[in-house]
């Protein structure tokens, strides 16, 4: 089994077909790194076959879909978490019926605690139904060559963290 197949299988089983989500139509919301990951593994037809109606970018303005649940596949970065919090605390009406959040790697404690604090303060525990880490932190451009998303994210900020690279490599090796 190659890297692309492993990432595809992990996203399919733990996100798109997750027991927490059910079998009804949903909206997929991704950040830019997760979009690259999903796009490298799936076609639009395959996403639609899993009852995903729309694939939206988290940082773009989106229309509310109060009758659909949202499946968020995000890298645990400060920008993504801030945008997620903005979504779930949408001021005048709910954007979605419910939210299922999946992080591509381990979410740092301060970001996780920020989400939990907002959920507790605004009593959104019924709205935020899933908050889970799937630990598959790479973009499989080819079947044998993974590109680690933590490297891509930090490269744009001119910052390199050896511990993030080793964690990313470890997450893929663990899945193999």
C-alpha atoms as a PDB file:
ATOM      1  CA  UNK A   1       0.000   0.000   0.000  1.00  0.00           C
ATOM      2  CA  UNK A   2       1.439   3.402  -0.957  1.00  0.00           C
ATOM      3  CA  UNK A   3       1.332   6.740   0.872  1.00  0.00           C
ATOM      4  CA  UNK A   4      -1.495   8.176  -1.237  1.00  0.00           C
ATOM      5  CA  UNK A   5      -3.651   5.113  -0.536  1.00  0.00           C
ATOM      6  CA  UNK A   6      -2.951   5.348   3.191  1.00  0.00           C
ATOM      7  CA  UNK A   7      -3.883   9.032   3.379  1.00  0.00           C
ATOM      8  CA  UNK A   8      -6.984   8.431   1.260  1.00  0.00           C
ATOM      9  CA  UNK A   9      -8.082   5.512   3.414  1.00  0.00           C
ATOM     10  CA  UNK A  10      -7.502   7.483   6.626  1.00  0.00           C
ATOM     11  CA  UNK A  11      -9.534  10.493   5.431  1.00  0.00           C
ATOM     12  CA  UNK A  12     -12.265   8.241   4.047  1.00  0.00           C
ATOM     13  CA  UNK A  13     -12.652   6.082   7.169  1.00  0.00           C
ATOM     14  CA  UNK A  14     -12.021   8.583   9.956  1.00  0.00           C
ATOM     15  CA  UNK A  15     -13.511  11.748   8.458  1.00  0.00           C
ATOM     16  CA  UNK A  16     -15.933  11.202   5.588  1.00  0.00           C
ATOM     17  CA  UNK A  17     -17.366   7.896   6.852  1.00  0.00           C
ATOM     18  CA  UNK A  18     -16.944   8.579  10.552  1.00  0.00           C
ATOM     19  CA  UNK A  19     -19.553   7.021  12.855  1.00  0.00           C
ATOM     20  CA  UNK A  20     -19.991  10.388  14.598  1.00  0.00           C
ATOM     21  CA  UNK A  21     -21.226  12.013  11.384  1.00  0.00           C
ATOM     22  CA  UNK A  22     -23.843   9.631  10.071  1.00  0.00           C
ATOM     23  CA  UNK A  23     -25.042   9.186   6.494  1.00  0.00           C
ATOM     24  CA  UNK A  24     -26.852  12.444   5.710  1.00  0.00           C
ATOM     25  CA  UNK A  25     -25.610  15.199   3.355  1.00  0.00           C
ATOM     26  CA  UNK A  26     -22.852  17.427   4.752  1.00  0.00           C
ATOM     27  CA  UNK A  27     -20.644  20.368   3.837  1.00  0.00           C
ATOM     28  CA  UNK A  28     -16.842  19.931   3.876  1.00  0.00           C
ATOM     29  CA  UNK A  29     -14.853  22.930   5.121  1.00  0.00           C
ATOM     30  CA  UNK A  30     -11.065  22.810   4.771  1.00  0.00           C
ATOM     31  CA  UNK A  31      -8.100  25.106   5.220  1.00  0.00           C
ATOM     32  CA  UNK A  32      -5.580  25.519   2.402  1.00  0.00           C
ATOM     33  CA  UNK A  33      -3.248  22.719   3.538  1.00  0.00           C
ATOM     34  CA  UNK A  34      -6.087  20.266   4.062  1.00  0.00           C
ATOM     35  CA  UNK A  35      -7.491  21.182   0.650  1.00  0.00           C
ATOM     36  CA  UNK A  36      -4.191  20.106  -0.921  1.00  0.00           C
ATOM     37  CA  UNK A  37      -4.360  16.852   1.015  1.00  0.00           C
ATOM     38  CA  UNK A  38      -7.959  16.112  -0.015  1.00  0.00           C
ATOM     39  CA  UNK A  39      -7.401  17.185  -3.643  1.00  0.00           C
ATOM     40  CA  UNK A  40      -4.411  14.899  -4.006  1.00  0.00           C
ATOM     41  CA  UNK A  41      -6.452  11.868  -2.898  1.00  0.00           C
ATOM     42  CA  UNK A  42     -10.008  12.446  -4.152  1.00  0.00           C
ATOM     43  CA  UNK A  43     -11.925  13.695  -7.149  1.00  0.00           C
ATOM     44  CA  UNK A  44     -15.015  15.887  -6.760  1.00  0.00           C
ATOM     45  CA  UNK A  45     -17.148  12.913  -7.832  1.00  0.00           C
ATOM     46  CA  UNK A  46     -15.696  10.744  -5.047  1.00  0.00           C
ATOM     47  CA  UNK A  47     -16.356  13.477  -2.482  1.00  0.00           C
ATOM     48  CA  UNK A  48     -19.969  13.817  -3.695  1.00  0.00           C
ATOM     49  CA  UNK A  49     -20.412  10.038  -3.533  1.00  0.00           C
ATOM     50  CA  UNK A  50     -19.778  10.326   0.232  1.00  0.00           C
ATOM     51  CA  UNK A  51     -22.722  12.767   0.529  1.00  0.00           C
ATOM     52  CA  UNK A  52     -20.566  15.876   0.679  1.00  0.00           C
ATOM     53  CA  UNK A  53     -22.361  18.659  -1.181  1.00  0.00           C
ATOM     54  CA  UNK A  54     -19.859  21.492  -1.078  1.00  0.00           C
ATOM     55  CA  UNK A  55     -16.139  21.799  -0.430  1.00  0.00           C
ATOM     56  CA  UNK A  56     -15.406  25.242   1.026  1.00  0.00           C
ATOM     57  CA  UNK A  57     -12.250  27.023   2.109  1.00  0.00           C
ATOM     58  CA  UNK A  58     -12.304  28.064   5.744  1.00  0.00           C
ATOM     59  CA  UNK A  59     -10.766  31.491   5.148  1.00  0.00           C
ATOM     60  CA  UNK A  60     -13.295  32.531   2.498  1.00  0.00           C
ATOM     61  CA  UNK A  61     -16.681  34.078   3.066  1.00  0.00           C
ATOM     62  CA  UNK A  62     -19.338  31.358   2.877  1.00  0.00           C
ATOM     63  CA  UNK A  63     -23.084  31.279   2.721  1.00  0.00           C
ATOM     64  CA  UNK A  64     -24.804  29.775   5.771  1.00  0.00           C
ATOM     65  CA  UNK A  65     -26.294  26.302   5.316  1.00  0.00           C
ATOM     66  CA  UNK A  66     -28.327  25.838   8.516  1.00  0.00           C
ATOM     67  CA  UNK A  67     -29.863  22.590   7.276  1.00  0.00           C
ATOM     68  CA  UNK A  68     -26.455  20.903   6.714  1.00  0.00           C
ATOM     69  CA  UNK A  69     -23.834  19.698   9.136  1.00  0.00           C
ATOM     70  CA  UNK A  70     -20.277  20.889   8.531  1.00  0.00           C
ATOM     71  CA  UNK A  71     -17.267  18.590   8.480  1.00  0.00           C
ATOM     72  CA  UNK A  72     -14.116  20.601   9.152  1.00  0.00           C
ATOM     73  CA  UNK A  73     -10.776  19.076   8.154  1.00  0.00           C
ATOM     74  CA  UNK A  74      -8.134  21.476   9.425  1.00  0.00           C
ATOM     75  CA  UNK A  75      -4.477  21.827  10.229  1.00  0.00           C
ATOM     76  CA  UNK A  76      -4.214  22.892  13.879  1.00  0.00           C
ATOM     77  CA  UNK A  77      -2.780  26.359  13.244  1.00  0.00           C
ATOM     78  CA  UNK A  78      -3.716  29.567  14.996  1.00  0.00           C
ATOM     79  CA  UNK A  79      -5.335  30.960  11.817  1.00  0.00           C
ATOM     80  CA  UNK A  80      -7.458  27.851  11.284  1.00  0.00           C
ATOM     81  CA  UNK A  81      -8.607  27.727  14.897  1.00  0.00           C
ATOM     82  CA  UNK A  82      -9.471  31.451  14.876  1.00  0.00           C
ATOM     83  CA  UNK A  83     -11.508  30.961  11.684  1.00  0.00           C
ATOM     84  CA  UNK A  84     -13.220  27.906  13.180  1.00  0.00           C
ATOM     85  CA  UNK A  85     -14.145  29.873  16.303  1.00  0.00           C
ATOM     86  CA  UNK A  86     -15.471  32.660  14.108  1.00  0.00           C
ATOM     87  CA  UNK A  87     -17.617  30.101  12.258  1.00  0.00           C
ATOM     88  CA  UNK A  88     -19.079  28.450  15.338  1.00  0.00           C
ATOM     89  CA  UNK A  89     -19.811  31.795  16.989  1.00  0.00           C
ATOM     90  CA  UNK A  90     -21.472  33.237  13.883  1.00  0.00           C
ATOM     91  CA  UNK A  91     -23.176  36.338  15.317  1.00  0.00           C
ATOM     92  CA  UNK A  92     -26.722  36.524  13.983  1.00  0.00           C
ATOM     93  CA  UNK A  93     -27.507  32.914  13.035  1.00  0.00           C
ATOM     94  CA  UNK A  94     -25.886  29.532  12.818  1.00  0.00           C
ATOM     95  CA  UNK A  95     -23.937  28.810   9.646  1.00  0.00           C
ATOM     96  CA  UNK A  96     -24.486  25.066  10.010  1.00  0.00           C
ATOM     97  CA  UNK A  97     -26.739  22.643  11.822  1.00  0.00           C
ATOM     98  CA  UNK A  98     -23.765  21.065  13.634  1.00  0.00           C
ATOM     99  CA  UNK A  99     -19.978  20.878  13.365  1.00  0.00           C
ATOM    100  CA  UNK A 100     -17.583  17.932  13.233  1.00  0.00           C
ATOM    101  CA  UNK A 101     -13.948  19.055  13.520  1.00  0.00           C
ATOM    102  CA  UNK A 102     -11.028  16.850  12.517  1.00  0.00           C
ATOM    103  CA  UNK A 103      -7.444  18.046  12.876  1.00  0.00           C
ATOM    104  CA  UNK A 104      -4.765  16.633  10.581  1.00  0.00           C
ATOM    105  CA  UNK A 105      -2.243  16.374  13.441  1.00  0.00           C
ATOM    106  CA  UNK A 106      -2.105  16.857  17.196  1.00  0.00           C
ATOM    107  CA  UNK A 107      -3.667  20.141  18.218  1.00  0.00           C
ATOM    108  CA  UNK A 108      -1.484  22.196  20.595  1.00  0.00           C
ATOM    109  CA  UNK A 109      -2.966  22.499  24.072  1.00  0.00           C
ATOM    110  CA  UNK A 110      -3.404  26.281  23.916  1.00  0.00           C
ATOM    111  CA  UNK A 111      -5.445  26.028  20.689  1.00  0.00           C
ATOM    112  CA  UNK A 112      -7.482  23.095  21.974  1.00  0.00           C
ATOM    113  CA  UNK A 113      -8.191  24.945  25.229  1.00  0.00           C
ATOM    114  CA  UNK A 114      -9.258  28.029  23.276  1.00  0.00           C
ATOM    115  CA  UNK A 115     -11.866  25.969  21.397  1.00  0.00           C
ATOM    116  CA  UNK A 116     -13.076  24.287  24.594  1.00  0.00           C
ATOM    117  CA  UNK A 117     -13.361  27.662  26.357  1.00  0.00           C
ATOM    118  CA  UNK A 118     -15.522  29.109  23.564  1.00  0.00           C
ATOM    119  CA  UNK A 119     -17.718  26.003  23.469  1.00  0.00           C
ATOM    120  CA  UNK A 120     -18.226  26.147  27.260  1.00  0.00           C
ATOM    121  CA  UNK A 121     -18.827  29.912  27.438  1.00  0.00           C
ATOM    122  CA  UNK A 122     -21.368  29.936  24.624  1.00  0.00           C
ATOM    123  CA  UNK A 123     -22.883  26.558  25.521  1.00  0.00           C
ATOM    124  CA  UNK A 124     -22.171  25.077  22.098  1.00  0.00           C
ATOM    125  CA  UNK A 125     -21.533  21.494  23.203  1.00  0.00           C
ATOM    126  CA  UNK A 126     -24.605  20.281  21.283  1.00  0.00           C
ATOM    127  CA  UNK A 127     -23.430  22.136  18.176  1.00  0.00           C
ATOM    128  CA  UNK A 128     -19.798  20.934  18.201  1.00  0.00           C
ATOM    129  CA  UNK A 129     -20.433  17.202  18.004  1.00  0.00           C
ATOM    130  CA  UNK A 130     -16.932  15.968  17.107  1.00  0.00           C
ATOM    131  CA  UNK A 131     -13.454  17.253  17.944  1.00  0.00           C
ATOM    132  CA  UNK A 132     -10.825  14.728  16.899  1.00  0.00           C
ATOM    133  CA  UNK A 133      -7.208  14.413  15.723  1.00  0.00           C
ATOM    134  CA  UNK A 134      -6.643  12.000  12.830  1.00  0.00           C
ATOM    135  CA  UNK A 135      -2.814  12.295  12.741  1.00  0.00           C
ATOM    136  CA  UNK A 136      -2.196  12.160   9.025  1.00  0.00           C
ATOM    137  CA  UNK A 137      -0.062  15.167   8.314  1.00  0.00           C
ATOM    138  CA  UNK A 138       1.122  14.926   4.715  1.00  0.00           C
ATOM    139  CA  UNK A 139       0.156  15.777   1.164  1.00  0.00           C
ATOM    140  CA  UNK A 140       0.744  12.686  -1.008  1.00  0.00           C
ATOM    141  CA  UNK A 141       1.545  14.312  -4.361  1.00  0.00           C
ATOM    142  CA  UNK A 142       2.708  10.972  -5.701  1.00  0.00           C
ATOM    143  CA  UNK A 143       2.054   7.518  -4.375  1.00  0.00           C
ATOM    144  CA  UNK A 144       5.589   7.168  -2.968  1.00  0.00           C
ATOM    145  CA  UNK A 145       6.442  10.787  -1.988  1.00  0.00           C
ATOM    146  CA  UNK A 146       4.683  12.509   0.915  1.00  0.00           C
ATOM    147  CA  UNK A 147       5.106  16.246   1.536  1.00  0.00           C
ATOM    148  CA  UNK A 148       4.610  17.041   5.208  1.00  0.00           C
ATOM    149  CA  UNK A 149       2.093  19.811   5.818  1.00  0.00           C
ATOM    150  CA  UNK A 150       3.807  21.135   8.939  1.00  0.00           C
ATOM    151  CA  UNK A 151       6.866  21.845   6.777  1.00  0.00           C
ATOM    152  CA  UNK A 152       4.732  23.590   4.160  1.00  0.00           C
ATOM    153  CA  UNK A 153       2.923  25.676   6.790  1.00  0.00           C
ATOM    154  CA  UNK A 154       6.079  26.753   8.576  1.00  0.00           C
ATOM    155  CA  UNK A 155       8.039  27.338   5.365  1.00  0.00           C
ATOM    156  CA  UNK A 156       5.750  30.236   4.495  1.00  0.00           C
ATOM    157  CA  UNK A 157       6.500  31.830   7.855  1.00  0.00           C
ATOM    158  CA  UNK A 158      10.269  31.344   7.365  1.00  0.00           C
ATOM    159  CA  UNK A 159      10.364  29.128  10.408  1.00  0.00           C
ATOM    160  CA  UNK A 160      11.561  25.550  10.615  1.00  0.00           C
ATOM    161  CA  UNK A 161      10.842  23.242  13.520  1.00  0.00           C
ATOM    162  CA  UNK A 162      12.630  19.920  13.638  1.00  0.00           C
ATOM    163  CA  UNK A 163      10.165  18.543  16.183  1.00  0.00           C
ATOM    164  CA  UNK A 164       7.217  19.252  13.858  1.00  0.00           C
ATOM    165  CA  UNK A 165       8.977  17.509  10.981  1.00  0.00           C
ATOM    166  CA  UNK A 166       9.724  14.428  13.062  1.00  0.00           C
ATOM    167  CA  UNK A 167       6.145  14.337  14.354  1.00  0.00           C
ATOM    168  CA  UNK A 168       4.812  14.573  10.782  1.00  0.00           C
ATOM    169  CA  UNK A 169       7.107  11.793   9.588  1.00  0.00           C
ATOM    170  CA  UNK A 170       6.141   9.726  12.611  1.00  0.00           C
ATOM    171  CA  UNK A 171       2.430  10.150  11.989  1.00  0.00           C
ATOM    172  CA  UNK A 172       2.777   8.749   8.463  1.00  0.00           C
ATOM    173  CA  UNK A 173       5.116   5.913   9.506  1.00  0.00           C
ATOM    174  CA  UNK A 174       2.752   4.944  12.311  1.00  0.00           C
ATOM    175  CA  UNK A 175      -0.081   4.561   9.799  1.00  0.00           C
ATOM    176  CA  UNK A 176       2.012   2.295   7.580  1.00  0.00           C
END
